[in-house]
């Protein structure tokens, strides 16, 4: 099966959007809040759309299986680091989220090498939803019609952090018997 199809193209677009997202954060005034939010939101939509299309049309490929989560982590970690640098997100939450993301990505690769997988849980989908909402609100702050979004964005980031570690624990617990038998 060729790798060039809609889900993989959307994953590549998500990766290509990251430099534009990062650069736009440094624009002056309201554009420095609105444009990066639009780039991030577009990239987040491609995350949902590529997964939906791949499952619906049976277009799962080794390229997609590897690069989709890599694209997700690049986008999320880029956004979180920028938010910390801009003073819009607590460093400790970003470190906790990033540590879990790296650990679980490594776990998935390790399990793949064992011929096994760690399926995405429904709770992880909620985690992703809170994560995307938090990042969008923290990027905008008050840049959308003067609405104060920092507090709800920070609250979503706290919820996301709790869900991040809860799902990380679940994944490790689920994979542990297979890991233990491979050692």
Protein backbone atom coordinates (compact mmCIF):
# COMPACT_ATOMS: atom_id res chain seq x y z
CA UNK A 1 0.00 0.00 0.00
CA UNK A 2 1.52 3.37 -0.93
CA UNK A 3 2.12 5.84 1.87
CA UNK A 4 0.69 8.80 -0.05
CA UNK A 5 -2.96 9.03 0.95
CA UNK A 6 -5.11 11.45 2.95
CA UNK A 7 -4.25 10.37 6.53
CA UNK A 8 -0.49 10.46 5.88
CA UNK A 9 -0.76 13.76 4.00
CA UNK A 10 -2.63 15.24 6.98
CA UNK A 11 0.10 13.99 9.33
CA UNK A 12 2.76 15.62 7.10
CA UNK A 13 0.74 18.86 7.04
CA UNK A 14 0.59 18.81 10.86
CA UNK A 15 4.38 18.57 11.03
CA UNK A 16 4.76 21.31 8.39
CA UNK A 17 2.46 23.66 10.36
CA UNK A 18 4.66 23.58 13.47
CA UNK A 19 7.27 26.15 12.29
CA UNK A 20 4.49 28.52 11.20
CA UNK A 21 2.79 28.05 14.55
CA UNK A 22 6.02 28.78 16.42
CA UNK A 23 6.93 31.83 14.32
CA UNK A 24 3.47 33.34 14.63
CA UNK A 25 3.64 33.37 18.44
CA UNK A 26 6.18 36.18 18.15
CA UNK A 27 3.96 38.48 16.11
CA UNK A 28 3.07 41.71 17.89
CA UNK A 29 -0.35 42.49 19.32
CA UNK A 30 -3.47 40.42 18.90
CA UNK A 31 -2.03 38.64 15.84
CA UNK A 32 0.54 37.05 18.15
CA UNK A 33 -2.35 35.34 19.92
CA UNK A 34 -4.90 34.77 17.17
CA UNK A 35 -2.66 33.46 14.37
CA UNK A 36 -0.79 30.85 16.46
CA UNK A 37 -4.14 29.71 17.83
CA UNK A 38 -5.42 29.27 14.28
CA UNK A 39 -2.30 27.32 13.23
CA UNK A 40 -2.50 25.15 16.34
CA UNK A 41 -6.24 24.55 15.88
CA UNK A 42 -5.75 23.60 12.24
CA UNK A 43 -3.01 21.16 13.24
CA UNK A 44 -5.25 19.73 15.98
CA UNK A 45 -8.02 19.21 13.43
CA UNK A 46 -5.62 17.31 11.16
CA UNK A 47 -4.83 15.06 14.15
CA UNK A 48 -8.48 14.10 14.48
CA UNK A 49 -9.08 13.91 10.72
CA UNK A 50 -6.13 11.68 9.89
CA UNK A 51 -7.07 9.18 12.59
CA UNK A 52 -10.70 9.16 11.51
CA UNK A 53 -9.85 8.69 7.83
CA UNK A 54 -7.23 6.00 8.50
CA UNK A 55 -9.66 3.93 10.58
CA UNK A 56 -12.69 4.53 8.38
CA UNK A 57 -10.98 3.66 5.11
CA UNK A 58 -8.56 1.06 6.48
CA UNK A 59 -5.53 3.15 5.55
CA UNK A 60 -3.26 2.18 8.43
CA UNK A 61 0.39 2.19 7.32
CA UNK A 62 3.74 1.82 9.08
CA UNK A 63 4.42 5.48 8.14
CA UNK A 64 1.20 6.62 9.79
CA UNK A 65 1.63 4.39 12.83
CA UNK A 66 5.04 5.92 13.48
CA UNK A 67 4.67 9.53 12.34
CA UNK A 68 1.16 10.28 13.61
CA UNK A 69 2.17 10.06 17.29
CA UNK A 70 5.48 11.80 16.54
CA UNK A 71 3.62 14.68 14.87
CA UNK A 72 1.26 14.88 17.85
CA UNK A 73 4.09 15.02 20.36
CA UNK A 74 6.03 17.61 18.32
CA UNK A 75 2.96 19.84 18.15
CA UNK A 76 1.97 19.48 21.81
CA UNK A 77 5.47 19.84 23.24
CA UNK A 78 6.19 22.84 20.98
CA UNK A 79 3.01 24.53 22.17
CA UNK A 80 3.64 23.77 25.84
CA UNK A 81 7.25 24.97 25.72
CA UNK A 82 6.17 28.20 24.03
CA UNK A 83 3.47 28.71 26.64
CA UNK A 84 6.03 28.31 29.44
CA UNK A 85 8.47 30.66 27.67
CA UNK A 86 5.70 33.26 27.36
CA UNK A 87 4.75 32.84 31.04
CA UNK A 88 1.31 31.47 30.15
CA UNK A 89 1.66 27.92 31.58
CA UNK A 90 3.19 26.52 34.78
CA UNK A 91 6.54 24.84 34.11
CA UNK A 92 5.88 21.94 36.50
CA UNK A 93 2.72 20.91 34.62
CA UNK A 94 4.50 21.06 31.29
CA UNK A 95 7.38 18.96 32.63
CA UNK A 96 4.95 16.37 34.01
CA UNK A 97 3.02 16.19 30.74
CA UNK A 98 6.18 16.04 28.62
CA UNK A 99 7.76 13.32 30.78
CA UNK A 100 4.67 11.13 30.43
CA UNK A 101 4.39 11.75 26.68
CA UNK A 102 8.00 10.74 26.09
CA UNK A 103 7.68 7.69 28.37
CA UNK A 104 4.51 6.41 26.73
CA UNK A 105 5.82 7.05 23.23
CA UNK A 106 8.88 4.97 24.16
CA UNK A 107 6.63 2.30 25.66
CA UNK A 108 4.60 2.10 22.46
CA UNK A 109 7.77 1.70 20.38
CA UNK A 110 9.11 -0.96 22.74
CA UNK A 111 5.83 -2.87 22.67
CA UNK A 112 5.76 -2.61 18.89
CA UNK A 113 9.20 -4.25 18.82
CA UNK A 114 7.73 -7.10 20.86
CA UNK A 115 4.94 -7.50 18.32
CA UNK A 116 2.40 -6.06 20.73
CA UNK A 117 0.62 -2.75 21.09
CA UNK A 118 -0.88 -0.44 23.67
CA UNK A 119 -4.30 0.65 22.40
CA UNK A 120 -5.47 4.20 23.05
CA UNK A 121 -7.97 4.32 25.90
CA UNK A 122 -11.13 6.42 25.95
CA UNK A 123 -9.71 8.30 28.94
CA UNK A 124 -6.71 9.26 26.79
CA UNK A 125 -9.11 10.83 24.30
CA UNK A 126 -10.48 12.98 27.13
CA UNK A 127 -6.89 13.85 28.08
CA UNK A 128 -6.23 14.98 24.54
CA UNK A 129 -9.41 17.05 24.51
CA UNK A 130 -8.47 18.86 27.73
CA UNK A 131 -4.93 19.29 26.42
CA UNK A 132 -6.06 20.87 23.16
CA UNK A 133 -8.60 23.09 24.95
CA UNK A 134 -5.99 24.21 27.49
CA UNK A 135 -3.44 25.08 24.83
CA UNK A 136 -5.96 26.98 22.70
CA UNK A 137 -7.22 29.00 25.67
CA UNK A 138 -3.69 29.72 26.93
CA UNK A 139 -2.59 30.78 23.46
CA UNK A 140 -5.52 33.17 23.12
CA UNK A 141 -5.55 34.47 26.72
CA UNK A 142 -7.79 37.52 26.25
CA UNK A 143 -7.24 37.81 22.49
CA UNK A 144 -10.73 36.62 21.56
CA UNK A 145 -13.20 39.45 22.08
CA UNK A 146 -11.52 40.25 25.39
CA UNK A 147 -12.71 37.00 26.97
CA UNK A 148 -10.50 36.04 29.94
CA UNK A 149 -9.32 32.53 29.00
CA UNK A 150 -6.19 32.19 31.15
CA UNK A 151 -7.94 30.78 34.23
CA UNK A 152 -10.09 28.20 32.39
CA UNK A 153 -7.07 27.31 30.24
CA UNK A 154 -4.92 26.73 33.31
CA UNK A 155 -7.69 24.67 34.92
CA UNK A 156 -7.89 22.51 31.77
CA UNK A 157 -4.10 22.09 31.92
CA UNK A 158 -4.34 20.85 35.52
CA UNK A 159 -7.09 18.38 34.54
CA UNK A 160 -5.03 17.32 31.53
CA UNK A 161 -1.99 16.70 33.75
CA UNK A 162 -4.00 14.47 36.09
CA UNK A 163 -5.47 12.53 33.15
CA UNK A 164 -2.04 12.35 31.52
CA UNK A 165 -0.53 10.60 34.51
CA UNK A 166 -3.58 8.42 35.11
CA UNK A 167 -3.54 7.13 31.52
CA UNK A 168 0.23 6.76 31.63
CA UNK A 169 -0.11 4.53 34.68
CA UNK A 170 -2.85 2.52 32.97
CA UNK A 171 -0.70 1.98 29.88
CA UNK A 172 2.30 0.89 31.94
CA UNK A 173 0.17 -1.46 34.04
CA UNK A 174 -1.36 -2.95 30.91
CA UNK A 175 2.03 -3.45 29.24
CA UNK A 176 3.97 -4.58 32.32
CA UNK A 177 3.22 -8.34 32.06
CA UNK A 178 4.44 -8.38 28.45
CA UNK A 179 7.51 -6.29 29.31
CA UNK A 180 8.34 -8.52 32.28
CA UNK A 181 8.11 -11.68 30.20
CA UNK A 182 10.46 -10.20 27.59
CA UNK A 183 13.25 -9.34 30.05
